Protein backbone atom coordinates (compact mmCIF):
# COMPACT_ATOMS: atom_id res chain seq x y z
CA MET A 1 108.54 -4.16 63.02
CA GLU A 2 105.44 -4.24 60.85
CA ALA A 3 102.30 -2.95 62.54
CA LEU A 4 99.60 -5.46 63.36
CA THR A 5 96.40 -5.39 61.35
CA SER A 6 93.08 -4.80 63.09
CA ALA A 7 92.18 -8.46 62.52
CA GLU A 8 95.42 -9.58 64.19
CA ARG A 9 94.91 -7.26 67.15
CA ILE A 10 91.36 -8.47 67.75
CA ALA A 11 92.37 -12.11 67.30
CA ARG A 12 95.01 -11.76 70.03
CA ALA A 13 92.81 -9.86 72.48
CA LYS A 14 91.11 -11.60 75.39
CA ARG A 15 89.00 -8.73 76.74
CA ILE A 16 87.52 -5.99 74.54
CA VAL A 17 85.62 -2.83 75.47
CA ILE A 18 83.34 -1.30 72.83
CA LYS A 19 82.13 2.28 73.26
CA ILE A 20 78.87 3.31 71.60
CA GLY A 21 77.70 6.92 71.47
CA SER A 22 74.16 8.26 71.51
CA ALA A 23 74.33 9.31 67.85
CA LEU A 24 74.87 5.67 66.83
CA LEU A 25 72.33 4.10 69.12
CA VAL A 26 69.49 6.63 68.99
CA SER A 27 67.87 7.97 65.82
CA GLU A 28 68.09 11.76 65.70
CA GLU A 29 64.83 11.88 63.73
CA THR A 30 62.69 9.66 65.98
CA ASP A 31 64.61 9.57 69.31
CA GLU A 32 64.10 5.80 69.23
CA PRO A 33 66.75 3.07 69.39
CA ARG A 34 68.18 2.04 66.02
CA LEU A 35 67.12 -1.56 66.43
CA GLU A 36 68.44 -2.84 63.08
CA TRP A 37 71.91 -1.44 63.79
CA LEU A 38 71.82 -2.78 67.35
CA ALA A 39 70.85 -6.25 66.13
CA ALA A 40 73.81 -6.21 63.74
CA LEU A 41 76.14 -5.13 66.55
CA ALA A 42 74.81 -8.03 68.64
CA GLU A 43 75.97 -10.38 65.87
CA ASP A 44 79.46 -8.94 66.23
CA VAL A 45 79.41 -9.36 70.00
CA ALA A 46 78.22 -12.97 69.62
CA ALA A 47 81.03 -13.65 67.14
CA LEU A 48 83.61 -12.24 69.55
CA GLN A 49 82.28 -14.37 72.39
CA ALA A 50 82.28 -17.44 70.15
CA GLY A 51 85.96 -16.71 69.53
CA GLY A 52 86.66 -16.91 73.25
CA LYS A 53 86.69 -13.17 73.94
CA GLN A 54 85.06 -11.27 76.79
CA VAL A 55 83.19 -8.11 75.82
CA VAL A 56 82.18 -5.00 77.76
CA ILE A 57 79.94 -2.37 76.15
CA VAL A 58 80.08 1.25 77.28
CA SER A 59 76.93 2.88 75.97
CA SER A 60 75.44 6.33 75.94
CA GLY A 61 71.78 6.92 75.14
CA SER A 62 69.80 6.92 78.37
CA ILE A 63 69.17 10.68 78.42
CA ALA A 64 68.32 10.79 74.72
CA LEU A 65 65.82 7.94 75.13
CA GLY A 66 64.35 9.26 78.38
CA ARG A 67 63.71 12.80 77.23
CA LYS A 68 61.40 11.48 74.50
CA VAL A 69 59.36 9.47 77.00
CA LEU A 70 59.10 12.52 79.26
CA GLN A 71 58.24 14.70 76.25
CA LEU A 72 60.87 17.30 77.10
CA ALA A 73 61.46 20.05 74.55
CA ASP A 74 64.49 20.09 72.29
CA GLY A 75 67.52 22.00 73.48
CA VAL A 76 69.79 21.94 76.51
CA LEU A 77 68.35 20.20 79.55
CA SER A 78 68.83 21.34 83.13
CA LEU A 79 70.74 19.04 85.47
CA GLU A 80 67.50 17.88 87.08
CA GLN A 81 65.88 17.23 83.69
CA SER A 82 68.95 15.27 82.54
CA GLN A 83 68.88 13.14 85.67
CA ALA A 84 65.16 12.46 85.31
CA SER A 85 65.63 11.58 81.63
CA ALA A 86 68.48 9.22 82.53
CA ALA A 87 66.35 7.48 85.15
CA VAL A 88 63.60 6.82 82.60
CA GLY A 89 65.87 6.15 79.62
CA GLN A 90 68.22 3.75 81.37
CA ILE A 91 65.45 1.16 81.57
CA ARG A 92 64.82 1.44 77.83
CA LEU A 93 68.55 1.34 77.09
CA ALA A 94 69.11 -1.83 79.12
CA ARG A 95 66.02 -3.46 77.60
CA ALA A 96 67.21 -2.68 74.06
CA TYR A 97 70.57 -4.41 74.67
CA GLU A 98 68.93 -7.33 76.43
CA ARG A 99 66.54 -7.92 73.52
CA ALA A 100 69.32 -7.60 70.93
CA LEU A 101 71.70 -10.04 72.63
CA ALA A 102 69.22 -12.58 74.01
CA PRO A 103 68.64 -14.34 70.63
CA HIS A 104 72.36 -15.23 70.71
CA GLY A 105 72.06 -16.74 74.18
CA ILE A 106 74.00 -13.85 75.73
CA ARG A 107 73.08 -12.51 79.16
CA THR A 108 73.44 -8.80 79.82
CA ALA A 109 74.08 -6.82 83.00
CA GLN A 110 73.63 -3.13 83.77
CA VAL A 111 76.56 -1.36 85.44
CA LEU A 112 76.24 2.34 86.33
CA VAL A 113 79.33 4.27 87.44
CA THR A 114 80.52 7.78 88.23
CA LEU A 115 83.96 9.35 88.19
CA GLU A 116 84.37 8.64 91.90
CA ASP A 117 84.10 4.92 91.22
CA SER A 118 87.47 5.01 89.45
CA GLN A 119 89.13 7.67 91.60
CA ILE A 120 88.41 6.12 95.01
CA ARG A 121 90.43 2.91 95.27
CA ARG A 122 87.83 1.08 97.38
CA ARG A 123 85.14 1.72 94.75
CA TYR A 124 87.61 0.95 91.98
CA LEU A 125 88.35 -2.47 93.48
CA ASN A 126 84.65 -3.20 94.00
CA SER A 127 83.89 -2.28 90.38
CA ARG A 128 86.82 -4.33 89.08
CA ARG A 129 85.74 -7.41 91.03
CA THR A 130 82.15 -7.07 89.81
CA LEU A 131 83.23 -6.77 86.16
CA ASP A 132 85.56 -9.75 86.53
CA MET A 133 82.78 -11.89 87.96
CA LEU A 134 80.25 -10.85 85.31
CA LEU A 135 82.71 -11.57 82.50
CA SER A 136 83.75 -14.91 83.99
CA LEU A 137 80.07 -15.91 83.95
CA GLY A 138 79.78 -15.13 80.23
CA THR A 139 77.75 -11.96 80.73
CA VAL A 140 78.15 -8.79 78.66
CA PRO A 141 78.15 -5.79 81.04
CA ILE A 142 76.44 -2.70 79.63
CA VAL A 143 78.17 0.24 81.32
CA ASN A 144 76.90 3.81 81.42
CA GLU A 145 77.51 6.85 83.56
CA ASN A 146 75.13 7.02 86.50
CA ASP A 147 73.55 10.28 85.31
CA THR A 148 70.68 9.91 87.76
CA VAL A 149 72.92 10.69 90.75
CA ALA A 150 76.04 12.22 89.17
CA THR A 151 76.46 15.97 89.50
CA ASP A 152 78.83 18.24 87.60
CA GLU A 153 81.50 17.58 90.23
CA ILE A 154 81.47 13.79 89.86
CA ARG A 155 80.68 13.38 86.15
CA TYR A 156 82.89 11.99 83.46
CA GLY A 157 81.05 14.31 81.09
CA ASP A 158 81.63 12.07 78.09
CA ASN A 159 81.65 8.34 77.55
CA ASP A 160 84.96 8.30 75.66
CA ARG A 161 86.87 8.89 78.89
CA LEU A 162 84.46 6.65 80.78
CA ALA A 163 85.22 3.87 78.30
CA ALA A 164 88.97 4.31 78.85
CA GLN A 165 88.54 4.10 82.62
CA VAL A 166 86.34 1.01 82.26
CA ALA A 167 88.97 -0.56 79.98
CA SER A 168 91.60 0.13 82.64
CA MET A 169 89.34 -1.14 85.43
CA ALA A 170 88.54 -4.33 83.51
CA GLY A 171 92.13 -4.97 82.42
CA ALA A 172 91.06 -4.92 78.76
CA ASP A 173 93.46 -5.51 75.88
CA LEU A 174 91.52 -3.39 73.38
CA LEU A 175 89.16 -0.44 73.43
CA VAL A 176 87.18 0.33 70.28
CA LEU A 177 85.51 3.74 70.04
CA LEU A 178 82.73 3.56 67.46
CA SER A 179 82.54 7.10 66.13
CA ASP A 180 81.23 9.28 63.32
CA VAL A 181 84.81 9.58 61.99
CA ASP A 182 87.20 6.86 60.85
CA GLY A 183 90.22 7.97 62.83
CA LEU A 184 92.51 10.84 63.77
CA TYR A 185 93.47 13.20 60.97
CA THR A 186 96.31 15.70 60.76
CA ALA A 187 93.62 18.36 60.35
CA ASN A 188 89.84 18.48 60.12
CA PRO A 189 89.10 16.63 56.84
CA ARG A 190 85.85 18.57 56.42
CA ASP A 191 87.82 21.80 56.15
CA ASP A 192 91.22 20.70 54.83
CA ALA A 193 91.48 18.58 51.67
CA THR A 194 95.11 17.76 52.49
CA ALA A 195 94.25 16.23 55.86
CA ARG A 196 95.75 12.76 56.28
CA ARG A 197 94.45 9.99 58.52
CA LEU A 198 97.02 8.46 60.86
CA GLU A 199 97.18 4.67 60.81
CA THR A 200 98.82 4.34 64.21
CA VAL A 201 99.79 6.60 67.09
CA PRO A 202 102.55 5.13 69.28
CA VAL A 203 102.60 8.04 71.78
CA VAL A 204 100.25 10.95 72.43
CA THR A 205 102.48 13.98 71.92
CA PRO A 206 101.61 17.70 72.00
CA GLU A 207 101.53 17.53 68.20
CA ILE A 208 98.95 14.73 68.32
CA GLU A 209 96.87 16.71 70.82
CA ALA A 210 97.00 19.73 68.51
CA MET A 211 95.45 17.66 65.73
CA ALA A 212 92.35 17.02 67.84
CA GLY A 213 89.58 19.49 67.28
CA GLY A 214 85.87 19.83 66.61
CA THR A 215 82.86 19.04 68.73
CA GLY A 216 80.32 16.28 68.91
CA THR A 217 77.01 15.87 67.15
CA ALA A 218 73.64 17.03 68.46
CA LEU A 219 73.30 13.84 70.51
CA SER A 220 76.93 13.48 71.57
CA LYS A 221 79.08 15.46 73.99
CA GLY A 222 82.29 13.93 72.72
CA GLY A 223 84.73 15.17 70.12
CA MET A 224 88.24 14.28 69.01
CA LYS A 225 89.73 16.02 72.05
CA THR A 226 87.93 13.68 74.43
CA LYS A 227 89.00 10.71 72.31
CA ILE A 228 92.65 11.75 72.63
CA MET A 229 92.20 12.05 76.40
CA ALA A 230 90.67 8.58 76.37
CA ALA A 231 93.56 7.25 74.29
CA ARG A 232 96.12 8.60 76.75
CA ALA A 233 94.37 6.87 79.67
CA ALA A 234 93.87 3.60 77.80
CA MET A 235 97.45 3.44 76.54
CA ALA A 236 98.84 4.04 80.03
CA SER A 237 96.79 1.10 81.32
CA GLY A 238 98.23 -1.25 78.70
CA CYS A 239 95.17 -1.13 76.44
CA ALA A 240 95.36 -0.35 72.71
CA MET A 241 92.57 1.87 71.38
CA ALA A 242 90.96 2.24 67.96
CA ILE A 243 88.81 5.01 66.53
CA THR A 244 86.65 3.83 63.65
CA LYS A 245 83.29 4.56 62.04
CA GLY A 246 80.42 2.89 63.80
CA ALA A 247 77.41 3.75 61.64
CA VAL A 248 77.86 0.72 59.36
CA ASN A 249 76.13 -2.53 60.22
CA ARG A 250 78.43 -4.92 62.10
CA PRO A 251 81.17 -2.31 62.71
CA ILE A 252 83.49 -4.75 64.50
CA SER A 253 83.37 -7.13 61.55
CA ALA A 254 84.09 -4.17 59.29
CA LEU A 255 87.11 -3.31 61.44
CA ILE A 256 88.36 -6.91 61.22
CA ASP A 257 87.90 -6.77 57.43
CA GLY A 258 90.13 -3.70 57.17
CA ALA A 259 87.88 -0.68 57.71
CA ALA A 260 89.73 2.60 58.08
CA CYS A 261 90.75 3.44 61.63
CA THR A 262 93.49 4.87 63.84
CA TRP A 263 95.14 2.61 66.41
CA PHE A 264 96.71 4.05 69.54
CA GLU A 265 99.39 1.67 70.78
CA ALA A 266 99.35 0.31 74.34
CA ASP A 267 102.21 1.03 76.71
CA GLY A 268 102.95 -2.60 77.54
CA ASP A 269 100.12 -4.93 78.55
CA PRO A 270 97.33 -4.51 81.14
CA HIS A 271 99.04 -6.74 83.69
CA ALA A 272 102.35 -4.84 83.50
CA ALA A 273 100.55 -1.49 83.63
CA ARG A 274 98.65 -2.53 86.76
CA LYS A 275 101.91 -3.63 88.38
CA ARG A 276 103.45 -0.22 87.65
CA TRP A 277 100.40 1.48 89.15
CA ILE A 278 100.54 -0.51 92.38
CA THR A 279 104.32 -0.30 92.71
CA GLY A 280 104.31 3.49 92.29
CA MET A 281 102.03 4.10 95.30
CA LYS A 282 103.27 5.14 98.73
CA SER A 283 102.46 2.50 101.33
CA ARG A 284 99.99 3.38 104.08
CA GLY A 285 100.69 0.39 106.27
CA GLN A 286 102.33 -2.98 106.75
CA ILE A 287 101.02 -6.54 106.91
CA THR A 288 103.49 -9.03 108.39
CA VAL A 289 103.04 -12.67 107.39
CA ASP A 290 104.53 -16.02 108.34
CA ALA A 291 106.86 -18.19 106.25
CA GLY A 292 104.00 -20.35 105.00
CA ALA A 293 102.19 -17.31 103.65
CA VAL A 294 105.36 -16.11 101.91
CA ALA A 295 105.69 -19.48 100.19
CA ALA A 296 102.06 -19.31 99.09
CA LEU A 297 102.46 -15.78 97.72
CA GLU A 298 105.52 -16.84 95.74
CA LYS A 299 103.33 -19.48 94.07
CA GLY A 300 100.91 -16.77 92.93
CA ARG A 301 98.24 -17.26 95.59
CA SER A 302 96.23 -14.65 97.48
CA LEU A 303 97.04 -13.68 101.05
CA LEU A 304 94.62 -15.37 103.45
CA PRO A 305 94.10 -14.10 107.02
CA ALA A 306 95.47 -17.32 108.53
CA GLY A 307 98.98 -16.40 107.43
CA VAL A 308 98.99 -12.88 108.88
CA ILE A 309 101.02 -12.25 112.04
CA SER A 310 100.44 -8.52 112.56
CA VAL A 311 99.17 -5.33 110.90
CA GLU A 312 100.48 -1.79 111.31
CA GLY A 313 99.60 1.67 110.01
CA ASP A 314 96.38 3.47 109.24
CA PHE A 315 95.05 2.11 105.97
CA ALA A 316 91.61 1.75 104.44
CA ARG A 317 90.42 -0.88 102.01
CA GLY A 318 92.13 -0.28 98.69
CA ASP A 319 95.10 1.54 100.18
CA PRO A 320 98.65 0.39 99.28
CA VAL A 321 100.47 -1.65 101.91
CA ASP A 322 103.76 -3.53 102.22
CA ILE A 323 103.60 -7.29 102.73
CA VAL A 324 106.50 -8.15 105.05
CA GLY A 325 107.96 -11.58 105.79
CA PRO A 326 108.85 -12.89 109.25
CA ALA A 327 112.48 -11.74 108.83
CA GLY A 328 111.43 -8.14 108.08
CA ASP A 329 111.89 -8.34 104.31
CA VAL A 330 109.32 -6.69 102.02
CA VAL A 331 108.03 -9.51 99.85
CA ALA A 332 105.25 -7.65 98.05
CA LYS A 333 103.45 -4.36 97.49
CA ALA A 334 99.67 -4.68 97.48
CA LEU A 335 96.26 -3.08 97.78
CA ALA A 336 94.59 -4.01 101.04
CA GLY A 337 91.34 -5.97 100.83
CA TYR A 338 90.35 -4.88 104.35
CA ASP A 339 91.00 -1.77 106.42
CA ARG A 340 93.42 -1.75 109.38
CA ALA A 341 90.80 -2.52 112.04
CA GLU A 342 89.17 -5.36 110.10
CA ALA A 343 92.51 -6.91 109.16
CA GLY A 344 93.50 -6.85 112.84
CA ILE A 345 90.35 -8.72 113.81
CA ILE A 346 90.57 -11.51 111.23
CA MET A 347 94.36 -12.03 111.14
CA GLY A 348 95.42 -15.53 112.12
CA HIS A 349 91.95 -16.92 111.47
CA ARG A 350 90.54 -19.11 108.73
CA SER A 351 88.57 -17.47 105.94
CA SER A 352 85.50 -19.44 107.02
CA GLU A 353 85.56 -17.54 110.32
CA ILE A 354 85.45 -14.06 108.79
CA ALA A 355 81.66 -13.71 108.82
CA GLY A 356 81.48 -14.59 112.51
CA LEU A 357 84.31 -12.23 113.42
CA LEU A 358 83.16 -9.22 111.42
CA GLY A 359 79.41 -9.76 111.46
CA TYR A 360 79.15 -9.86 107.68
CA THR A 361 80.36 -12.05 104.83
CA GLY A 362 83.61 -10.57 103.62
CA ARG A 363 86.16 -11.59 101.03
CA ALA A 364 88.19 -14.73 101.66
CA ALA A 365 91.55 -12.97 101.17
CA ILE A 366 93.10 -10.04 102.99
CA VAL A 367 94.88 -9.28 99.71
CA HIS A 368 93.82 -10.74 96.36
CA ARG A 369 96.64 -11.95 94.12
CA ASP A 370 95.56 -9.59 91.32
CA ASP A 371 96.20 -6.65 93.68
CA MET A 372 99.74 -7.69 94.56
CA VAL A 373 103.22 -7.20 93.08
CA MET A 374 105.92 -9.50 94.36
CA ARG A 375 109.39 -8.17 95.16
CA ARG A 376 112.67 -10.00 95.28
CA GLY A 377 115.08 -9.55 98.19
CA GLY A 378 113.55 -6.26 99.38
CA ARG A 379 114.38 -5.26 102.94
CA ARG A 380 112.90 -2.56 105.13
């Protein structure tokens, strides 16, 4: 089957993540935002939104912008200096995106994450829900690593892998890494005149990994190795990924018009990948529901507390649980929206009663439909 063009891929996508590195956003000569380039990128984002697409931007640049304000010397910064620079620079970074997108009537939001936010299921679910809400409201989330609080132990370390995790978290169809290279080559094209750019990569093999080499620029920590790691994560989550040059004005338009790139093919679609992820987990508990709840779940609805008969096990919010029907059959595998104690308190009650029972306003569903995989005829 003939490979899709970049234009066809983008036309079919509903949710797109764009990753922007420091070297693209911040001038190496002045340490100031490249406002002309950013304004052109905003035109691309506006065009994508006008085409009915939701856009998330993963952006570096806070440390590079902050160190100038703090007048820190060139060279490697200490952890404390990096965190201070990020705290100062993040304000400038968010303001730059806000000013670039506002003329197009686009609202922006700042989302700061660390590695733990994707590794701990409770945080993962919180982040996913927040991104979903922001995107449903027409906002463009600007995501960056929370360098102000992240230490070496909880850092992504590069925004290529962060972008892949955000794409997975957001259920994105496409991830576009705007880079200083136009794709993956069989060898370093700066050193080897015979190096050939790959148009598509269906699977990341050891041979593909061996092709990745080199380091980032003075402003960037990334290199081709981190991009391959990002590709592996994105592909597994059902998200296709492109590496293309970002220094041109309107780089997404250039990609649509046929700019050179390498596409890494998705393993299925985001919905199927999420189902595989949930299904593959070992259950930590059981939620038994009545026949009415089973009928509602089969229609694609969320599990409300009113339909819950009992809860068993020792599970926290975000842990995998079995949803069991009144006859003892497993009807679904899911991620719990409440922990064992909370679920026990609100079961059998209306969603409107949750705040009074728990003492705070919680979610309406014990399990959201997006966090559930239905089974057919399963029996414990």
